[in-house]
Protein backbone atom coordinates (compact mmCIF):
# COMPACT_ATOMS: atom_id res chain seq x y z
CA MET A 1 0.00 0.00 0.00
CA VAL A 2 1.40 3.39 -1.03
CA ASN A 3 1.84 5.95 1.77
CA THR A 4 0.05 9.02 0.37
CA LYS A 5 1.82 11.46 2.72
CA LYS A 6 5.21 10.25 1.47
CA ALA A 7 4.24 9.80 -2.19
CA LEU A 8 2.77 13.27 -2.82
CA PRO A 9 5.97 15.19 -1.89
CA ILE A 10 7.97 12.81 -4.13
CA LEU A 11 5.51 13.43 -6.99
CA PHE A 12 5.79 17.17 -6.39
CA LEU A 13 9.59 16.96 -6.64
CA VAL A 14 9.41 14.75 -9.73
CA MET A 15 7.08 17.07 -11.64
CA PHE A 16 8.99 20.14 -10.43
CA LEU A 17 12.27 18.74 -11.81
CA VAL A 18 10.59 17.60 -15.04
CA MET A 19 9.17 21.09 -15.63
CA VAL A 20 12.42 22.84 -14.59
CA GLY A 21 14.17 20.73 -17.23
CA PHE A 22 11.48 21.62 -19.77
CA GLY A 23 11.52 25.31 -18.78
CA ILE A 24 15.32 25.64 -18.95
CA ILE A 25 15.28 25.33 -22.74
CA ILE A 26 12.37 27.74 -23.42
CA PRO A 27 14.39 30.99 -23.65
CA VAL A 28 17.30 29.27 -25.44
CA LEU A 29 15.70 27.06 -28.11
CA PRO A 30 14.77 29.83 -30.61
CA PHE A 31 18.36 31.19 -30.71
CA TYR A 32 19.86 27.70 -30.69
CA ALA A 33 17.71 26.68 -33.68
CA GLU A 34 18.60 29.94 -35.47
CA ASN A 35 22.29 29.11 -35.10
CA LEU A 36 21.57 25.80 -36.85
CA GLY A 37 19.94 27.65 -39.75
CA ALA A 38 16.23 27.53 -38.79
CA THR A 39 13.91 29.98 -40.52
CA PRO A 40 11.01 31.53 -38.51
CA THR A 41 8.65 29.00 -40.12
CA GLN A 42 10.92 26.07 -39.19
CA LEU A 43 11.18 27.42 -35.64
CA GLY A 44 7.38 27.46 -35.42
CA LEU A 45 7.28 23.85 -36.64
CA LEU A 46 9.98 22.90 -34.14
CA MET A 47 7.85 24.26 -31.29
CA ALA A 48 4.63 22.75 -32.66
CA VAL A 49 5.93 19.22 -33.34
CA TYR A 50 6.52 18.64 -29.61
CA SER A 51 2.93 19.57 -28.73
CA LEU A 52 1.67 17.48 -31.65
CA MET A 53 3.44 14.39 -30.27
CA GLN A 54 1.90 15.11 -26.86
CA LEU A 55 -1.54 15.39 -28.44
CA LEU A 56 -1.20 12.08 -30.29
CA PHE A 57 0.52 9.93 -27.68
CA ALA A 58 -0.66 11.07 -24.22
CA PRO A 59 -3.86 8.93 -24.39
CA MET A 60 -1.79 5.90 -25.46
CA TRP A 61 0.60 6.25 -22.53
CA GLY A 62 -2.28 6.76 -20.11
CA ARG A 63 -3.89 3.55 -21.28
CA ILE A 64 -0.57 1.64 -21.13
CA SER A 65 -0.10 2.80 -17.52
CA ASP A 66 -3.52 1.33 -16.69
CA LYS A 67 -2.32 -2.04 -18.00
CA ILE A 68 1.32 -2.34 -16.87
CA GLY A 69 1.51 0.15 -13.98
CA ARG A 70 2.37 3.81 -13.45
CA LYS A 71 6.04 3.54 -12.46
CA PRO A 72 7.46 1.90 -15.63
CA VAL A 73 5.58 4.36 -17.85
CA MET A 74 6.79 7.30 -15.77
CA LEU A 75 10.38 6.02 -16.04
CA ALA A 76 10.01 5.73 -19.83
CA GLY A 77 8.69 9.30 -20.05
CA ILE A 78 11.48 10.81 -17.95
CA ALA A 79 14.15 8.78 -19.80
CA GLY A 80 12.72 10.11 -23.07
CA LEU A 81 13.11 13.67 -21.82
CA ALA A 82 16.74 13.05 -20.82
CA ILE A 83 17.54 11.53 -24.24
CA SER A 84 15.91 14.43 -26.10
CA PHE A 85 17.76 17.08 -24.06
CA PHE A 86 21.17 15.47 -24.63
CA LEU A 87 20.40 15.01 -28.35
CA MET A 88 19.59 18.72 -28.56
CA ALA A 89 22.74 19.66 -26.63
CA PHE A 90 24.94 17.91 -29.19
CA ALA A 91 22.83 18.51 -32.31
CA GLY A 92 25.01 19.44 -35.27
CA SER A 93 22.19 20.10 -37.70
CA LEU A 94 18.55 21.14 -37.77
CA TRP A 95 17.21 17.65 -38.55
CA MET A 96 18.81 16.36 -35.32
CA LEU A 97 16.98 19.08 -33.41
CA PHE A 98 13.68 18.02 -34.99
CA ALA A 99 14.42 14.35 -34.22
CA ALA A 100 15.14 15.24 -30.59
CA ARG A 101 11.89 17.21 -30.27
CA ILE A 102 9.86 14.37 -31.81
CA ILE A 103 11.45 11.74 -29.53
CA GLY A 104 11.02 14.02 -26.52
CA GLY A 105 7.38 14.78 -27.29
CA LEU A 106 6.52 11.16 -28.00
CA LEU A 107 8.06 9.75 -24.80
CA SER A 108 7.56 12.66 -22.39
CA SER A 109 3.83 12.72 -23.17
CA ALA A 110 3.75 9.83 -20.69
CA ASN A 111 4.64 12.06 -17.73
CA MET A 112 1.64 14.27 -17.01
CA PRO A 113 -1.19 11.72 -17.50
CA THR A 114 0.70 9.04 -15.56
CA VAL A 115 1.49 11.33 -12.62
CA MET A 116 -2.15 12.48 -12.53
CA ALA A 117 -3.33 8.85 -12.68
CA TYR A 118 -0.91 8.03 -9.85
CA VAL A 119 -2.46 10.81 -7.75
CA ALA A 120 -5.95 9.46 -8.53
CA ASP A 121 -4.79 5.98 -7.44
CA ILE A 122 -3.50 7.07 -4.02
CA THR A 123 -6.00 9.77 -2.97
CA THR A 124 -9.48 9.48 -1.55
CA PRO A 125 -12.27 11.22 -3.52
CA GLU A 126 -12.37 13.95 -0.84
CA ASN A 127 -8.64 14.71 -1.16
CA ARG A 128 -8.24 14.19 -4.91
CA SER A 129 -8.39 17.86 -5.93
CA LYS A 130 -5.75 18.65 -3.31
CA GLY A 131 -3.49 15.95 -4.79
CA MET A 132 -4.07 17.19 -8.35
CA GLY A 133 -3.39 20.73 -7.14
CA ILE A 134 -0.01 19.69 -5.73
CA VAL A 135 0.95 18.36 -9.18
CA GLY A 136 -0.27 21.62 -10.77
CA ALA A 137 1.74 23.65 -8.26
CA ALA A 138 4.88 21.66 -9.13
CA VAL A 139 4.33 22.35 -12.83
CA GLY A 140 3.86 26.07 -12.12
CA MET A 141 6.96 26.33 -9.92
CA GLY A 142 9.02 24.47 -12.52
CA PHE A 143 7.97 26.98 -15.16
CA VAL A 144 8.92 29.85 -12.83
CA PHE A 145 12.48 28.63 -12.15
CA GLY A 146 13.30 26.75 -15.38
CA PRO A 147 13.39 29.68 -17.84
CA ALA A 148 15.36 31.81 -15.35
CA ILE A 149 18.00 29.08 -15.01
CA GLY A 150 18.12 28.62 -18.79
CA GLY A 151 18.57 32.34 -19.38
CA ILE A 152 21.42 32.59 -16.86
CA PHE A 153 23.43 29.59 -18.10
CA SER A 154 22.91 30.34 -21.80
CA LYS A 155 25.31 33.27 -21.36
CA SER A 156 28.16 30.76 -20.89
CA SER A 157 27.15 28.43 -23.71
CA MET A 158 24.06 27.86 -25.84
CA SER A 159 24.25 24.09 -25.35
CA LEU A 160 24.79 24.22 -21.56
CA PRO A 161 21.07 24.67 -20.67
CA PHE A 162 20.26 21.48 -22.62
CA VAL A 163 22.96 19.56 -20.73
CA LEU A 164 21.56 20.88 -17.43
CA ALA A 165 18.02 19.88 -18.48
CA GLY A 166 19.28 16.38 -19.32
CA CYS A 167 21.04 16.09 -15.94
CA SER A 168 17.86 17.27 -14.19
CA SER A 169 15.94 14.51 -15.99
CA ILE A 170 18.48 11.84 -14.96
CA LEU A 171 18.22 13.00 -11.33
CA THR A 172 14.42 12.73 -11.61
CA LEU A 173 14.75 9.24 -13.12
CA VAL A 174 16.86 8.08 -10.17
CA LEU A 175 14.39 9.58 -7.66
CA VAL A 176 11.45 7.76 -9.27
CA ALA A 177 13.34 4.48 -9.54
CA LEU A 178 14.49 4.51 -5.90
CA LEU A 179 11.75 6.28 -3.96
CA LEU A 180 8.42 5.82 -5.73
CA GLN A 181 6.31 2.72 -5.19
CA GLU A 182 3.87 1.38 -7.78
CA SER A 183 0.41 2.81 -7.11
CA SER A 184 -1.84 0.54 -9.19
CA SER A 185 -2.74 -2.91 -7.87
CA LYS A 186 -2.33 -6.18 -9.80
CA GLU A 187 -6.11 -6.60 -9.73
CA SER A 188 -6.77 -3.19 -11.32
CA ARG A 189 -4.07 -3.80 -13.96
CA GLY A 190 -5.64 -7.15 -14.74
CA ARG A 191 -9.08 -5.59 -15.15
CA ASN A 192 -7.71 -2.78 -17.30
CA SER A 193 -5.74 -5.14 -19.56
CA GLN A 194 -8.99 -6.95 -20.41
CA GLN A 195 -10.89 -3.70 -20.90
CA LYS A 196 -10.85 -2.38 -24.45
CA ALA A 197 -13.08 0.65 -23.97
CA PRO A 198 -12.67 3.18 -26.79
CA PHE A 199 -12.07 6.85 -26.02
CA SER A 200 -15.58 7.55 -27.26
CA VAL A 201 -16.83 5.97 -24.02
CA ALA A 202 -15.14 8.73 -22.01
CA LEU A 203 -16.47 11.44 -24.32
CA ARG A 204 -20.06 10.22 -24.24
CA GLY A 205 -22.52 11.44 -21.68
CA ALA A 206 -22.14 14.33 -19.28
CA SER A 207 -18.42 13.89 -18.61
CA GLY A 208 -17.52 14.55 -22.24
CA MET A 209 -18.38 18.22 -21.66
CA LEU A 210 -15.45 18.54 -19.24
CA PHE A 211 -12.88 17.54 -21.87
CA PHE A 212 -14.12 20.29 -24.18
CA LEU A 213 -14.22 22.71 -21.23
CA GLN A 214 -10.49 22.02 -20.65
CA PHE A 215 -9.80 22.56 -24.36
CA PHE A 216 -11.41 26.04 -24.23
CA ILE A 217 -9.43 26.95 -21.10
CA SER A 218 -6.15 25.76 -22.65
CA LEU A 219 -6.90 27.50 -25.96
CA SER A 220 -7.52 30.86 -24.28
CA LEU A 221 -4.43 30.56 -22.04
CA ALA A 222 -2.14 29.70 -24.99
CA GLY A 223 -3.50 32.69 -26.93
CA LEU A 224 -2.69 34.98 -24.01
CA GLU A 225 0.85 33.57 -23.59
CA ALA A 226 1.58 34.04 -27.30
CA THR A 227 0.49 37.69 -27.49
CA PHE A 228 0.83 39.33 -24.08
CA ALA A 229 4.49 40.35 -24.58
CA TYR A 230 3.52 42.43 -27.65
CA PHE A 231 0.42 43.82 -25.94
CA ALA A 232 2.29 44.85 -22.77
CA ALA A 233 5.12 46.44 -24.78
CA LYS A 234 2.66 48.53 -26.80
CA ARG A 235 0.31 49.48 -23.95
CA ALA A 236 2.77 49.91 -21.08
CA GLY A 237 6.25 49.95 -22.67
CA LEU A 238 7.32 46.82 -20.79
CA ASP A 239 10.52 45.02 -21.84
CA SER A 240 11.36 41.30 -21.68
CA THR A 241 12.87 41.58 -18.16
CA SER A 242 9.70 43.18 -16.77
CA LEU A 243 7.59 40.52 -18.49
CA GLY A 244 9.74 37.80 -16.96
CA TYR A 245 9.00 39.19 -13.49
CA ILE A 246 5.28 39.49 -14.26
CA PHE A 247 5.00 35.87 -15.42
CA MET A 248 7.03 34.81 -12.37
CA ILE A 249 4.59 36.60 -10.03
CA MET A 250 1.63 35.04 -11.88
CA GLY A 251 3.24 31.58 -11.69
CA LEU A 252 3.96 31.86 -7.97
CA ALA A 253 0.41 33.00 -7.22
CA GLY A 254 -1.06 30.13 -9.26
CA ALA A 255 1.27 27.60 -7.60
CA PHE A 256 0.32 28.89 -4.14
CA VAL A 257 -3.40 28.49 -4.87
CA GLN A 258 -2.96 25.02 -6.38
CA GLY A 259 -0.58 23.75 -3.74
CA GLY A 260 -2.16 25.31 -0.67
CA LEU A 261 -5.75 26.44 -1.17
CA ILE A 262 -7.44 24.16 -3.67
CA GLY A 263 -7.84 21.27 -1.22
CA ARG A 264 -9.60 23.51 1.31
CA LEU A 265 -11.75 25.14 -1.35
CA THR A 266 -12.98 21.85 -2.82
CA LYS A 267 -13.67 20.40 0.64
CA LYS A 268 -15.73 23.45 1.56
CA PHE A 269 -17.52 24.15 -1.74
CA GLY A 270 -17.02 21.05 -3.93
CA GLU A 271 -15.19 20.77 -7.26
CA GLY A 272 -18.14 22.08 -9.25
CA LYS A 273 -18.23 25.47 -7.54
CA VAL A 274 -14.43 25.73 -7.64
CA ILE A 275 -14.41 25.07 -11.42
CA GLN A 276 -17.15 27.65 -12.00
CA GLY A 277 -15.48 30.18 -9.69
CA GLY A 278 -12.13 29.67 -11.43
CA ILE A 279 -13.69 30.22 -14.86
CA ILE A 280 -15.45 33.42 -13.71
CA VAL A 281 -12.23 34.81 -12.16
CA SER A 282 -10.34 33.93 -15.39
CA ALA A 283 -12.93 35.81 -17.47
CA ILE A 284 -12.61 38.85 -15.18
CA GLY A 285 -8.81 38.60 -15.53
CA PHE A 286 -9.09 38.61 -19.33
CA ALA A 287 -11.30 41.70 -19.22
CA LEU A 288 -8.94 43.51 -16.83
CA ILE A 289 -5.94 42.83 -19.09
CA LEU A 290 -7.50 45.27 -21.57
CA LEU A 291 -6.89 48.02 -18.98
CA VAL A 292 -3.14 47.33 -18.53
CA ASP A 293 -1.12 50.57 -18.56
CA SER A 294 1.87 49.89 -16.25
CA PHE A 295 4.01 47.18 -14.67
CA THR A 296 1.79 47.17 -11.57
CA THR A 297 -1.52 46.80 -13.42
CA ALA A 298 -0.02 44.09 -15.67
CA ALA A 299 1.23 42.13 -12.64
CA VAL A 300 -2.04 42.48 -10.68
CA PHE A 301 -4.40 41.70 -13.56
CA LEU A 302 -2.37 38.76 -14.86
CA THR A 303 -2.15 37.36 -11.34
CA ILE A 304 -5.95 37.57 -10.98
CA PHE A 305 -6.24 35.64 -14.24
CA GLY A 306 -3.59 33.11 -13.10
CA ILE A 307 -5.34 32.40 -9.80
CA GLY A 308 -8.63 31.69 -11.57
CA ASN A 309 -7.03 29.61 -14.30
CA GLY A 310 -4.91 27.63 -11.83
CA VAL A 311 -7.77 25.95 -9.97
CA ILE A 312 -9.60 24.67 -13.07
CA ARG A 313 -7.45 21.80 -14.37
CA PRO A 314 -6.84 20.07 -10.99
CA SER A 315 -10.56 20.20 -10.21
CA VAL A 316 -11.55 18.93 -13.68
CA SER A 317 -9.01 16.09 -13.36
CA SER A 318 -10.43 15.18 -9.96
CA VAL A 319 -14.03 15.08 -11.20
CA LEU A 320 -13.18 12.99 -14.28
CA THR A 321 -11.17 10.37 -12.39
CA LYS A 322 -14.07 9.99 -9.96
CA THR A 323 -16.79 9.67 -12.59
CA ILE A 324 -15.30 7.71 -15.52
CA ASN A 325 -14.43 4.06 -14.93
CA THR A 326 -12.32 3.25 -18.01
CA GLY A 327 -9.10 3.54 -15.95
CA HIS A 328 -7.44 6.60 -14.42
CA GLY A 329 -4.62 6.60 -16.98
CA SER A 330 -6.97 6.53 -19.95
CA VAL A 331 -8.93 9.47 -18.52
CA THR A 332 -5.92 11.64 -17.64
CA GLY A 333 -4.25 10.79 -20.96
CA LEU A 334 -7.28 11.94 -22.91
CA LEU A 335 -7.51 15.12 -20.81
CA SER A 336 -3.82 15.85 -21.53
CA SER A 337 -4.55 15.38 -25.24
CA PHE A 338 -7.34 17.99 -25.16
CA ASP A 339 -5.00 20.30 -23.23
CA SER A 340 -2.29 19.87 -25.91
CA LEU A 341 -4.81 20.54 -28.68
CA GLY A 342 -5.59 23.89 -27.06
CA ARG A 343 -1.88 24.69 -26.77
CA ILE A 344 -1.34 23.90 -30.47
CA ALA A 345 -4.30 25.95 -31.73
CA GLY A 346 -4.01 28.83 -29.22
CA PRO A 347 -0.83 30.66 -30.39
CA PRO A 348 -1.74 30.94 -34.11
CA LEU A 349 -5.32 31.91 -33.22
CA GLY A 350 -4.09 34.48 -30.70
CA GLY A 351 -1.63 35.88 -33.24
CA LEU A 352 -4.33 36.17 -35.89
CA LEU A 353 -6.72 37.94 -33.51
CA TYR A 354 -3.92 40.27 -32.31
CA SER A 355 -3.17 41.25 -35.93
CA ILE A 356 -6.83 42.30 -36.33
CA SER A 357 -6.98 44.22 -33.04
CA ILE A 358 -4.52 44.07 -30.14
CA GLY A 359 -7.27 43.59 -27.53
CA LEU A 360 -9.05 40.83 -29.42
CA PRO A 361 -7.14 37.83 -27.93
CA TYR A 362 -8.30 38.87 -24.43
CA ILE A 363 -11.88 39.61 -25.48
CA SER A 364 -11.97 36.17 -27.13
CA GLY A 365 -10.40 34.70 -23.96
CA ALA A 366 -13.28 36.10 -21.89
CA VAL A 367 -15.78 34.74 -24.45
CA LEU A 368 -14.13 31.29 -24.39
CA SER A 369 -14.28 31.36 -20.58
CA ILE A 370 -18.01 32.08 -20.72
CA ALA A 371 -18.38 29.21 -23.22
CA ALA A 372 -16.49 26.94 -20.79
CA LEU A 373 -18.85 28.01 -18.01
CA PHE A 374 -21.80 27.14 -20.26
CA LEU A 375 -20.28 23.69 -20.90
CA TYR A 376 -20.01 23.13 -17.15
CA ARG A 377 -23.67 24.07 -16.71
CA VAL A 378 -24.60 21.60 -19.49
CA TYR A 379 -22.51 18.94 -17.72
CA HIS A 380 -24.20 19.67 -14.41
CA THR A 381 -27.69 19.57 -15.94
CA ARG A 382 -27.03 16.28 -17.74
CA LEU A 383 -25.49 14.85 -14.58
CA LYS A 384 -28.68 15.56 -12.67
CA HIS A 385 -30.65 13.72 -15.37
CA GLY A 386 -28.47 10.62 -15.11
CA ALA A 387 -26.42 11.08 -18.30
CA LEU A 388 -23.08 10.46 -16.59
CA SER A 389 -20.69 8.08 -18.33
């Protein structure tokens, strides 16, 4: 039997190190690819191919983890990250960089759904949102520290951040191998190996609405991330350093809410009210962004958005793992796939809207949030009428 109190801190550390490794390369990869002769279009493809692999393979890894266990799949995902980082560090040509991104995306797509499924395995229904929030907080903290580390060490050498990311992944691999116990039982793996439920089962009924809700949330967030630097520079004259601080403040606030408050909120109000509250706060945040005119207003308004956005995914994950019985890995893998789809579509859509009018990505973000709220209300109504999967 897995000790939840010991396992959750280990999972936090694992996901933190995974995301630090991922974040380290974010500020470096565009310049590194340019040095290898990448055009702007090729750079866009290089960024997109990773998300595409995540979209395609996350459900597969989730389902495999239901059948053979969480730990071996997690080890495969982290090993894939390490391999891809070292391949990038020593890439001598652009095709090697593409190969590394494809391998990394394919294998590392195992990490998020498997960790979320692990949390679902070891938590009670009452504490599940808290467990999912801890994973979300680790992801947020990793994204806060990773890019900063990458930016600092890239001054010494362009390839050094990739080596550091690879070493971080190897450290994570050792931690998982030595400290983490398997969370799924032989009985559940046996049941899941005989179960051949298609993904359409998860999408049918009331619960299917939640996958599309997560897609809308991810789509709007990715659109904001792709355009806010241009918007803030034009409206408030902010440079890249100021933006780095703003996103750090937003990330820390989101991590605090996910890691510390979400468990208390869901126990007091239930996941449904937390999801709806998070969507409403996100919509308000999008609307406030239109009023940005200084560093302070940018930091405050983006933080309001980040707090609202941060509570949605852990709560949605919690609800889905409680209500769909096709296996926790299959459910979290499919959710990760919808999340990746939003991240692929969001930046080009945000860029297109920004080119029409600079405030349009945030107006559309508020509209998408309202649409997500409507989807939750549809889910809730159908749930009451017994349409749950």
